[in-house]
Amino acid sequence: NPFSTSVLFTVSGFSDVSVEVFDLNGRLVRTLYSDSEHYFWDGCSSSGNQLSSGTYFAVLDDGEVRSILKVVKLE
């Protein structure tokens, strides 16, 4: 089965929200875009390459609150 994960969140009011995925070395591997509160990551980098198994961090920032979610990608 191909890897995929989604994040569902609620923010108060209208604000610019970003979700960025980082590897363990702190490198940005993907920025996720959405027109709703649902973000989907298919396990690929920004260039479309499938990333290896491991631990990644999804960082959600709405300008007021920053949340970090640990994501473990298994093959």
PDB file of N, CA and C in Angstrom:
ATOM      1  N   ASN A   1       0.836  -1.187   0.000  1.00  0.00           N
ATOM      2  CA  ASN A   1       0.000   0.000   0.000  1.00  0.00           C
ATOM      3  C   ASN A   1       0.874   1.240   0.000  1.00  0.00           C
ATOM      4  N   PRO A   2       0.575   2.207  -0.832  1.00  0.00           N
ATOM      5  CA  PRO A   2       1.347   3.449  -0.816  1.00  0.00           C
ATOM      6  C   PRO A   2       1.084   4.229   0.462  1.00  0.00           C
ATOM      7  N   PHE A   3       2.085   4.961   0.900  1.00  0.00           N
ATOM      8  CA  PHE A   3       1.978   5.765   2.116  1.00  0.00           C
ATOM      9  C   PHE A   3       1.140   7.004   1.844  1.00  0.00           C
ATOM     10  N   SER A   4       0.307   7.345   2.784  1.00  0.00           N
ATOM     11  CA  SER A   4      -0.369   8.638   2.764  1.00  0.00           C
ATOM     12  C   SER A   4      -0.873   8.915   4.167  1.00  0.00           C
ATOM     13  N   THR A   5      -0.944  10.164   4.509  1.00  0.00           N
ATOM     14  CA  THR A   5      -1.505  10.564   5.792  1.00  0.00           C
ATOM     15  C   THR A   5      -2.198  11.900   5.612  1.00  0.00           C
ATOM     16  N   SER A   6      -3.146  12.160   6.462  1.00  0.00           N
ATOM     17  CA  SER A   6      -3.831  13.443   6.393  1.00  0.00           C
ATOM     18  C   SER A   6      -3.919  14.031   7.791  1.00  0.00           C
ATOM     19  N   VAL A   7      -4.026  15.346   7.841  1.00  0.00           N
ATOM     20  CA  VAL A   7      -4.130  16.075   9.091  1.00  0.00           C
ATOM     21  C   VAL A   7      -5.381  16.927   9.015  1.00  0.00           C
ATOM     22  N   LEU A   8      -6.229  16.819  10.020  1.00  0.00           N
ATOM     23  CA  LEU A   8      -7.442  17.617  10.098  1.00  0.00           C
ATOM     24  C   LEU A   8      -7.338  18.482  11.347  1.00  0.00           C
ATOM     25  N   PHE A   9      -7.581  19.768  11.209  1.00  0.00           N
ATOM     26  CA  PHE A   9      -7.436  20.658  12.350  1.00  0.00           C
ATOM     27  C   PHE A   9      -8.480  21.755  12.270  1.00  0.00           C
ATOM     28  N   THR A  10      -8.654  22.457  13.365  1.00  0.00           N
ATOM     29  CA  THR A  10      -9.577  23.578  13.423  1.00  0.00           C
ATOM     30  C   THR A  10      -8.825  24.798  13.952  1.00  0.00           C
ATOM     31  N   VAL A  11      -8.963  25.898  13.258  1.00  0.00           N
ATOM     32  CA  VAL A  11      -8.364  27.152  13.722  1.00  0.00           C
ATOM     33  C   VAL A  11      -9.484  28.144  13.951  1.00  0.00           C
ATOM     34  N   SER A  12      -9.257  29.030  14.909  1.00  0.00           N
ATOM     35  CA  SER A  12     -10.283  30.031  15.188  1.00  0.00           C
ATOM     36  C   SER A  12     -10.089  31.236  14.282  1.00  0.00           C
ATOM     37  N   GLY A  13     -11.143  31.696  13.702  1.00  0.00           N
ATOM     38  CA  GLY A  13     -11.076  32.862  12.837  1.00  0.00           C
ATOM     39  C   GLY A  13     -10.425  32.553  11.502  1.00  0.00           C
ATOM     40  N   PHE A  14     -10.228  33.592  10.728  1.00  0.00           N
ATOM     41  CA  PHE A  14      -9.604  33.456   9.422  1.00  0.00           C
ATOM     42  C   PHE A  14      -8.139  33.825   9.538  1.00  0.00           C
ATOM     43  N   SER A  15      -7.286  32.945   9.083  1.00  0.00           N
ATOM     44  CA  SER A  15      -5.855  33.240   9.152  1.00  0.00           C
ATOM     45  C   SER A  15      -5.133  32.439   8.083  1.00  0.00           C
ATOM     46  N   ASP A  16      -3.924  32.857   7.795  1.00  0.00           N
ATOM     47  CA  ASP A  16      -3.081  32.093   6.881  1.00  0.00           C
ATOM     48  C   ASP A  16      -2.481  30.935   7.651  1.00  0.00           C
ATOM     49  N   VAL A  17      -2.696  29.740   7.151  1.00  0.00           N
ATOM     50  CA  VAL A  17      -2.204  28.534   7.813  1.00  0.00           C
ATOM     51  C   VAL A  17      -1.217  27.859   6.885  1.00  0.00           C
ATOM     52  N   SER A  18      -0.084  27.452   7.445  1.00  0.00           N
ATOM     53  CA  SER A  18       0.869  26.684   6.658  1.00  0.00           C
ATOM     54  C   SER A  18       1.127  25.357   7.352  1.00  0.00           C
ATOM     55  N   VAL A  19       1.352  24.331   6.551  1.00  0.00           N
ATOM     56  CA  VAL A  19       1.763  23.024   7.057  1.00  0.00           C
ATOM     57  C   VAL A  19       3.008  22.641   6.274  1.00  0.00           C
ATOM     58  N   GLU A  20       4.102  22.472   6.999  1.00  0.00           N
ATOM     59  CA  GLU A  20       5.366  22.104   6.372  1.00  0.00           C
ATOM     60  C   GLU A  20       5.844  20.792   6.974  1.00  0.00           C
ATOM     61  N   VAL A  21       6.463  19.957   6.141  1.00  0.00           N
ATOM     62  CA  VAL A  21       6.977  18.664   6.584  1.00  0.00           C
ATOM     63  C   VAL A  21       8.501  18.741   6.578  1.00  0.00           C
ATOM     64  N   PHE A  22       9.100  18.358   7.703  1.00  0.00           N
ATOM     65  CA  PHE A  22      10.550  18.380   7.877  1.00  0.00           C
ATOM     66  C   PHE A  22      11.070  16.981   8.162  1.00  0.00           C
ATOM     67  N   ASP A  23      12.321  16.706   7.743  1.00  0.00           N
ATOM     68  CA  ASP A  23      12.951  15.443   8.106  1.00  0.00           C
ATOM     69  C   ASP A  23      13.648  15.614   9.456  1.00  0.00           C
ATOM     70  N   LEU A  24      14.295  14.536   9.929  1.00  0.00           N
ATOM     71  CA  LEU A  24      14.946  14.575  11.241  1.00  0.00           C
ATOM     72  C   LEU A  24      16.104  15.564  11.312  1.00  0.00           C
ATOM     73  N   ASN A  25      16.672  15.921  10.167  1.00  0.00           N
ATOM     74  CA  ASN A  25      17.764  16.887  10.132  1.00  0.00           C
ATOM     75  C   ASN A  25      17.277  18.319  10.064  1.00  0.00           C
ATOM     76  N   GLY A  26      15.957  18.513  10.112  1.00  0.00           N
ATOM     77  CA  GLY A  26      15.388  19.846  10.090  1.00  0.00           C
ATOM     78  C   GLY A  26      15.235  20.438   8.700  1.00  0.00           C
ATOM     79  N   ARG A  27      15.461  19.623   7.666  1.00  0.00           N
ATOM     80  CA  ARG A  27      15.307  20.115   6.291  1.00  0.00           C
ATOM     81  C   ARG A  27      13.833  20.076   5.898  1.00  0.00           C
ATOM     82  N   LEU A  28      13.393  21.150   5.288  1.00  0.00           N
ATOM     83  CA  LEU A  28      12.034  21.208   4.760  1.00  0.00           C
ATOM     84  C   LEU A  28      11.948  20.284   3.553  1.00  0.00           C
ATOM     85  N   VAL A  29      11.047  19.301   3.608  1.00  0.00           N
ATOM     86  CA  VAL A  29      10.916  18.370   2.483  1.00  0.00           C
ATOM     87  C   VAL A  29       9.653  18.615   1.672  1.00  0.00           C
ATOM     88  N   ARG A  30       8.666  19.261   2.279  1.00  0.00           N
ATOM     89  CA  ARG A  30       7.415  19.500   1.552  1.00  0.00           C
ATOM     90  C   ARG A  30       6.587  20.561   2.253  1.00  0.00           C
ATOM     91  N   THR A  31       5.969  21.426   1.483  1.00  0.00           N
ATOM     92  CA  THR A  31       4.980  22.360   1.999  1.00  0.00           C
ATOM     93  C   THR A  31       3.633  21.909   1.464  1.00  0.00           C
ATOM     94  N   LEU A  32       2.671  21.756   2.364  1.00  0.00           N
ATOM     95  CA  LEU A  32       1.351  21.270   1.977  1.00  0.00           C
ATOM     96  C   LEU A  32       0.399  22.452   1.818  1.00  0.00           C
ATOM     97  N   TYR A  33      -0.388  22.406   0.759  1.00  0.00           N
ATOM     98  CA  TYR A  33      -1.353  23.469   0.473  1.00  0.00           C
ATOM     99  C   TYR A  33      -2.756  22.884   0.461  1.00  0.00           C
ATOM    100  N   SER A  34      -3.705  23.685   0.869  1.00  0.00           N
ATOM    101  CA  SER A  34      -5.097  23.249   0.859  1.00  0.00           C
ATOM    102  C   SER A  34      -5.983  24.479   0.904  1.00  0.00           C
ATOM    103  N   ASP A  35      -7.197  24.320   0.412  1.00  0.00           N
ATOM    104  CA  ASP A  35      -8.163  25.417   0.506  1.00  0.00           C
ATOM    105  C   ASP A  35      -9.189  25.137   1.603  1.00  0.00           C
ATOM    106  N   SER A  36      -8.880  24.162   2.449  1.00  0.00           N
ATOM    107  CA  SER A  36      -9.777  23.821   3.553  1.00  0.00           C
ATOM    108  C   SER A  36      -8.922  23.504   4.769  1.00  0.00           C
ATOM    109  N   GLU A  37      -9.510  22.887   5.770  1.00  0.00           N
ATOM    110  CA  GLU A  37      -8.762  22.524   6.971  1.00  0.00           C
ATOM    111  C   GLU A  37      -8.176  21.120   6.874  1.00  0.00           C
ATOM    112  N   HIS A  38      -8.212  20.516   5.713  1.00  0.00           N
ATOM    113  CA  HIS A  38      -7.724  19.153   5.527  1.00  0.00           C
ATOM    114  C   HIS A  38      -6.476  19.162   4.649  1.00  0.00           C
ATOM    115  N   TYR A  39      -5.378  18.659   5.192  1.00  0.00           N
ATOM    116  CA  TYR A  39      -4.106  18.604   4.470  1.00  0.00           C
ATOM    117  C   TYR A  39      -3.719  17.146   4.266  1.00  0.00           C
ATOM    118  N   PHE A  40      -3.188  16.841   3.099  1.00  0.00           N
ATOM    119  CA  PHE A  40      -2.850  15.472   2.723  1.00  0.00           C
ATOM    120  C   PHE A  40      -1.392  15.421   2.298  1.00  0.00           C
ATOM    121  N   TRP A  41      -0.646  14.428   2.813  1.00  0.00           N
ATOM    122  CA  TRP A  41       0.740  14.219   2.409  1.00  0.00           C
ATOM    123  C   TRP A  41       0.892  12.803   1.889  1.00  0.00           C
ATOM    124  N   ASP A  42       1.422  12.668   0.694  1.00  0.00           N
ATOM    125  CA  ASP A  42       1.565  11.368   0.042  1.00  0.00           C
ATOM    126  C   ASP A  42       2.937  10.728   0.247  1.00  0.00           C
ATOM    127  N   GLY A  43       3.761  11.299   1.111  1.00  0.00           N
ATOM    128  CA  GLY A  43       5.079  10.742   1.382  1.00  0.00           C
ATOM    129  C   GLY A  43       6.148  11.177   0.399  1.00  0.00           C
ATOM    130  N   CYS A  44       5.810  12.137  -0.456  1.00  0.00           N
ATOM    131  CA  CYS A  44       6.767  12.616  -1.463  1.00  0.00           C
ATOM    132  C   CYS A  44       7.356  13.961  -1.050  1.00  0.00           C
ATOM    133  N   SER A  45       8.540  14.244  -1.605  1.00  0.00           N
ATOM    134  CA  SER A  45       9.180  15.538  -1.402  1.00  0.00           C
ATOM    135  C   SER A  45       8.513  16.573  -2.301  1.00  0.00           C
ATOM    136  N   SER A  46       8.953  17.811  -2.182  1.00  0.00           N
ATOM    137  CA  SER A  46       8.417  18.880  -3.029  1.00  0.00           C
ATOM    138  C   SER A  46       8.678  18.625  -4.510  1.00  0.00           C
ATOM    139  N   SER A  47       9.766  17.897  -4.813  1.00  0.00           N
ATOM    140  CA  SER A  47      10.092  17.592  -6.209  1.00  0.00           C
ATOM    141  C   SER A  47       9.365  16.352  -6.728  1.00  0.00           C
ATOM    142  N   GLY A  48       8.550  15.706  -5.868  1.00  0.00           N
ATOM    143  CA  GLY A  48       7.763  14.558  -6.293  1.00  0.00           C
ATOM    144  C   GLY A  48       8.421  13.217  -6.064  1.00  0.00           C
ATOM    145  N   ASN A  49       9.623  13.210  -5.481  1.00  0.00           N
ATOM    146  CA  ASN A  49      10.307  11.948  -5.192  1.00  0.00           C
ATOM    147  C   ASN A  49       9.762  11.316  -3.924  1.00  0.00           C
ATOM    148  N   GLN A  50       9.537  10.004  -3.952  1.00  0.00           N
ATOM    149  CA  GLN A  50       9.083   9.273  -2.775  1.00  0.00           C
ATOM    150  C   GLN A  50      10.194   9.298  -1.728  1.00  0.00           C
ATOM    151  N   LEU A  51       9.873   9.733  -0.512  1.00  0.00           N
ATOM    152  CA  LEU A  51      10.857   9.807   0.558  1.00  0.00           C
ATOM    153  C   LEU A  51      10.998   8.453   1.240  1.00  0.00           C
ATOM    154  N   SER A  52      12.145   8.224   1.854  1.00  0.00           N
ATOM    155  CA  SER A  52      12.416   6.949   2.507  1.00  0.00           C
ATOM    156  C   SER A  52      11.641   6.831   3.816  1.00  0.00           C
ATOM    157  N   SER A  53      11.591   5.615   4.328  1.00  0.00           N
ATOM    158  CA  SER A  53      10.965   5.381   5.624  1.00  0.00           C
ATOM    159  C   SER A  53      11.688   6.173   6.691  1.00  0.00           C
ATOM    160  N   GLY A  54      10.980   6.571   7.705  1.00  0.00           N
ATOM    161  CA  GLY A  54      11.607   7.297   8.799  1.00  0.00           C
ATOM    162  C   GLY A  54      10.634   8.212   9.501  1.00  0.00           C
ATOM    163  N   THR A  55      11.182   9.044  10.355  1.00  0.00           N
ATOM    164  CA  THR A  55      10.390   9.974  11.142  1.00  0.00           C
ATOM    165  C   THR A  55      10.441  11.355  10.504  1.00  0.00           C
ATOM    166  N   TYR A  56       9.288  11.967  10.400  1.00  0.00           N
ATOM    167  CA  TYR A  56       9.147  13.312   9.852  1.00  0.00           C
ATOM    168  C   TYR A  56       8.298  14.121  10.825  1.00  0.00           C
ATOM    169  N   PHE A  57       8.342  15.425  10.674  1.00  0.00           N
ATOM    170  CA  PHE A  57       7.558  16.306  11.521  1.00  0.00           C
ATOM    171  C   PHE A  57       6.718  17.230  10.655  1.00  0.00           C
ATOM    172  N   ALA A  58       5.409  17.235  10.906  1.00  0.00           N
ATOM    173  CA  ALA A  58       4.500  18.155  10.231  1.00  0.00           C
ATOM    174  C   ALA A  58       4.286  19.337  11.171  1.00  0.00           C
ATOM    175  N   VAL A  59       4.633  20.520  10.698  1.00  0.00           N
ATOM    176  CA  VAL A  59       4.539  21.726  11.518  1.00  0.00           C
ATOM    177  C   VAL A  59       3.400  22.589  10.981  1.00  0.00           C
ATOM    178  N   LEU A  60       2.420  22.788  11.823  1.00  0.00           N
ATOM    179  CA  LEU A  60       1.255  23.593  11.489  1.00  0.00           C
ATOM    180  C   LEU A  60       1.407  24.944  12.175  1.00  0.00           C
ATOM    181  N   ASP A  61       1.312  26.018  11.409  1.00  0.00           N
ATOM    182  CA  ASP A  61       1.486  27.363  11.964  1.00  0.00           C
ATOM    183  C   ASP A  61       0.383  28.260  11.425  1.00  0.00           C
ATOM    184  N   ASP A  62      -0.398  28.836  12.331  1.00  0.00           N
ATOM    185  CA  ASP A  62      -1.465  29.744  11.891  1.00  0.00           C
ATOM    186  C   ASP A  62      -1.153  31.190  12.241  1.00  0.00           C
ATOM    187  N   GLY A  63       0.091  31.472  12.589  1.00  0.00           N
ATOM    188  CA  GLY A  63       0.480  32.826  12.946  1.00  0.00           C
ATOM    189  C   GLY A  63       0.390  33.109  14.433  1.00  0.00           C
ATOM    190  N   GLU A  64      -0.445  32.360  15.138  1.00  0.00           N
ATOM    191  CA  GLU A  64      -0.589  32.510  16.583  1.00  0.00           C
ATOM    192  C   GLU A  64      -0.147  31.260  17.325  1.00  0.00           C
ATOM    193  N   VAL A  65      -0.482  30.115  16.767  1.00  0.00           N
ATOM    194  CA  VAL A  65      -0.182  28.835  17.401  1.00  0.00           C
ATOM    195  C   VAL A  65       0.632  27.992  16.436  1.00  0.00           C
ATOM    196  N   ARG A  66       1.649  27.338  16.972  1.00  0.00           N
ATOM    197  CA  ARG A  66       2.470  26.430  16.166  1.00  0.00           C
ATOM    198  C   ARG A  66       2.386  25.050  16.795  1.00  0.00           C
ATOM    199  N   SER A  67       1.939  24.074  16.015  1.00  0.00           N
ATOM    200  CA  SER A  67       1.819  22.698  16.481  1.00  0.00           C
ATOM    201  C   SER A  67       2.739  21.813  15.673  1.00  0.00           C
ATOM    202  N   ILE A  68       3.344  20.841  16.339  1.00  0.00           N
ATOM    203  CA  ILE A  68       4.249  19.912  15.671  1.00  0.00           C
ATOM    204  C   ILE A  68       3.718  18.501  15.866  1.00  0.00           C
ATOM    205  N   LEU A  69       3.537  17.804  14.756  1.00  0.00           N
ATOM    206  CA  LEU A  69       3.058  16.421  14.774  1.00  0.00           C
ATOM    207  C   LEU A  69       4.163  15.503  14.263  1.00  0.00           C
ATOM    208  N   LYS A  70       4.432  14.440  15.000  1.00  0.00           N
ATOM    209  CA  LYS A  70       5.419  13.461  14.564  1.00  0.00           C
ATOM    210  C   LYS A  70       4.726  12.459  13.647  1.00  0.00           C
ATOM    211  N   VAL A  71       5.335  12.217  12.484  1.00  0.00           N
ATOM    212  CA  VAL A  71       4.790  11.273  11.503  1.00  0.00           C
ATOM    213  C   VAL A  71       5.860  10.222  11.222  1.00  0.00           C
ATOM    214  N   VAL A  72       5.505   8.954  11.376  1.00  0.00           N
ATOM    215  CA  VAL A  72       6.433   7.871  11.072  1.00  0.00           C
ATOM    216  C   VAL A  72       5.997   7.227   9.768  1.00  0.00           C
ATOM    217  N   LYS A  73       6.881   7.274   8.785  1.00  0.00           N
ATOM    218  CA  LYS A  73       6.592   6.706   7.460  1.00  0.00           C
ATOM    219  C   LYS A  73       7.235   5.328   7.390  1.00  0.00           C
ATOM    220  N   LEU A  74       6.416   4.320   7.174  1.00  0.00           N
ATOM    221  CA  LEU A  74       6.884   2.946   7.046  1.00  0.00           C
ATOM    222  C   LEU A  74       6.659   2.478   5.632  1.00  0.00           C
ATOM    223  N   GLU A  75       7.559   1.673   5.118  1.00  0.00           N
ATOM    224  CA  GLU A  75       7.390   1.127   3.774  1.00  0.00           C
ATOM    225  C   GLU A  75       6.606  -0.133   3.814  1.00  0.00           C
TER     226      GLU A  75
END
